[in-house]
Amino acid sequence: MTINWIPIAELPPAFLDGRPTLLWTSIGPYVGGMERATAGGEKSWHTLPDGLQIEGVTHFAAINTPS
């Protein structure tokens, strides 16, 4: 089974709600979520559950729960 990596430019707005998302950067994969807007109005990706900022996200994949 392969992961369907999608360019981050194609990220649907629904993924900006903080849901866990599989993210790809130049150094590898992370499970992260979009952090709420800062005082400056900017949002950024953070690791879940520890909240470290993730930079350089190039692709994403949905995380599906087991059926």
C-alpha atoms as a PDB file:
ATOM      1  CA  MET A   1       0.000   0.000   0.000  1.00  0.00           C
ATOM      2  CA  THR A   2       1.343   3.425  -0.898  1.00  0.00           C
ATOM      3  CA  ILE A   3       0.560   6.840   0.529  1.00  0.00           C
ATOM      4  CA  ASN A   4      -1.207   9.229  -1.808  1.00  0.00           C
ATOM      5  CA  TRP A   5       0.961  12.335  -1.299  1.00  0.00           C
ATOM      6  CA  ILE A   6      -0.712  15.521  -2.579  1.00  0.00           C
ATOM      7  CA  PRO A   7       1.108  18.849  -3.125  1.00  0.00           C
ATOM      8  CA  ILE A   8       0.450  21.227  -0.218  1.00  0.00           C
ATOM      9  CA  ALA A   9      -0.807  23.841  -2.711  1.00  0.00           C
ATOM     10  CA  GLU A  10      -3.822  21.567  -3.258  1.00  0.00           C
ATOM     11  CA  LEU A  11      -4.714  21.372   0.455  1.00  0.00           C
ATOM     12  CA  PRO A  12      -8.501  21.678   0.882  1.00  0.00           C
ATOM     13  CA  PRO A  13      -9.628  24.413   3.313  1.00  0.00           C
ATOM     14  CA  ALA A  14     -11.229  21.757   5.531  1.00  0.00           C
ATOM     15  CA  PHE A  15      -7.743  20.591   6.572  1.00  0.00           C
ATOM     16  CA  LEU A  16      -7.070  23.963   8.214  1.00  0.00           C
ATOM     17  CA  ASP A  17      -9.282  23.012  11.167  1.00  0.00           C
ATOM     18  CA  GLY A  18      -6.433  21.392  13.121  1.00  0.00           C
ATOM     19  CA  ARG A  19      -7.230  17.775  12.253  1.00  0.00           C
ATOM     20  CA  PRO A  20      -4.298  15.354  12.303  1.00  0.00           C
ATOM     21  CA  THR A  21      -2.669  15.314   8.860  1.00  0.00           C
ATOM     22  CA  LEU A  22       0.310  13.416   7.486  1.00  0.00           C
ATOM     23  CA  LEU A  23       2.829  16.011   6.294  1.00  0.00           C
ATOM     24  CA  TRP A  24       5.987  15.671   4.194  1.00  0.00           C
ATOM     25  CA  THR A  25       8.999  17.992   4.495  1.00  0.00           C
ATOM     26  CA  SER A  26      12.521  17.876   3.113  1.00  0.00           C
ATOM     27  CA  ILE A  27      13.613  15.830   6.141  1.00  0.00           C
ATOM     28  CA  GLY A  28      10.717  13.385   6.197  1.00  0.00           C
ATOM     29  CA  PRO A  29       7.180  12.793   7.456  1.00  0.00           C
ATOM     30  CA  TYR A  30       5.361  14.283  10.428  1.00  0.00           C
ATOM     31  CA  VAL A  31       1.897  13.989  11.908  1.00  0.00           C
ATOM     32  CA  GLY A  32       0.737  17.525  12.413  1.00  0.00           C
ATOM     33  CA  GLY A  33      -2.153  19.919  12.421  1.00  0.00           C
ATOM     34  CA  MET A  34      -2.750  23.538  11.533  1.00  0.00           C
ATOM     35  CA  GLU A  35      -2.322  25.722  14.598  1.00  0.00           C
ATOM     36  CA  ARG A  36      -4.844  28.451  15.258  1.00  0.00           C
ATOM     37  CA  ALA A  37      -4.003  31.901  13.995  1.00  0.00           C
ATOM     38  CA  THR A  38      -1.497  33.906  16.003  1.00  0.00           C
ATOM     39  CA  ALA A  39      -2.019  37.528  17.036  1.00  0.00           C
ATOM     40  CA  GLY A  40      -0.598  38.448  13.614  1.00  0.00           C
ATOM     41  CA  GLY A  41      -3.289  36.362  11.904  1.00  0.00           C
ATOM     42  CA  GLU A  42      -0.911  33.720  10.539  1.00  0.00           C
ATOM     43  CA  LYS A  43      -1.426  29.974  10.851  1.00  0.00           C
ATOM     44  CA  SER A  44       1.326  27.372  10.798  1.00  0.00           C
ATOM     45  CA  TRP A  45       1.751  23.595  10.958  1.00  0.00           C
ATOM     46  CA  HIS A  46       2.661  22.038  14.313  1.00  0.00           C
ATOM     47  CA  THR A  47       3.478  18.488  15.353  1.00  0.00           C
ATOM     48  CA  LEU A  48       0.834  16.595  17.267  1.00  0.00           C
ATOM     49  CA  PRO A  49       0.661  16.254  20.203  1.00  0.00           C
ATOM     50  CA  ASP A  50       3.707  18.290  21.291  1.00  0.00           C
ATOM     51  CA  GLY A  51       3.141  21.445  19.229  1.00  0.00           C
ATOM     52  CA  LEU A  52       6.567  22.000  17.654  1.00  0.00           C
ATOM     53  CA  GLN A  53       6.391  24.146  14.520  1.00  0.00           C
ATOM     54  CA  ILE A  54       6.871  22.304  11.202  1.00  0.00           C
ATOM     55  CA  GLU A  55       8.485  24.264   8.390  1.00  0.00           C
ATOM     56  CA  GLY A  56       8.910  23.481   4.711  1.00  0.00           C
ATOM     57  CA  VAL A  57       5.824  21.320   4.238  1.00  0.00           C
ATOM     58  CA  THR A  58       5.649  20.259   0.576  1.00  0.00           C
ATOM     59  CA  HIS A  59       2.988  17.512   0.545  1.00  0.00           C
ATOM     60  CA  PHE A  60       0.178  16.132   2.677  1.00  0.00           C
ATOM     61  CA  ALA A  61      -1.939  13.000   2.967  1.00  0.00           C
ATOM     62  CA  ALA A  62      -5.191  12.420   4.797  1.00  0.00           C
ATOM     63  CA  ILE A  63      -5.097  10.199   7.870  1.00  0.00           C
ATOM     64  CA  ASN A  64      -7.958   7.727   7.757  1.00  0.00           C
ATOM     65  CA  THR A  65      -9.152   5.948  10.857  1.00  0.00           C
ATOM     66  CA  PRO A  66      -9.255   2.135  10.874  1.00  0.00           C
ATOM     67  CA  SER A  67     -12.547   0.620   9.810  1.00  0.00           C
END
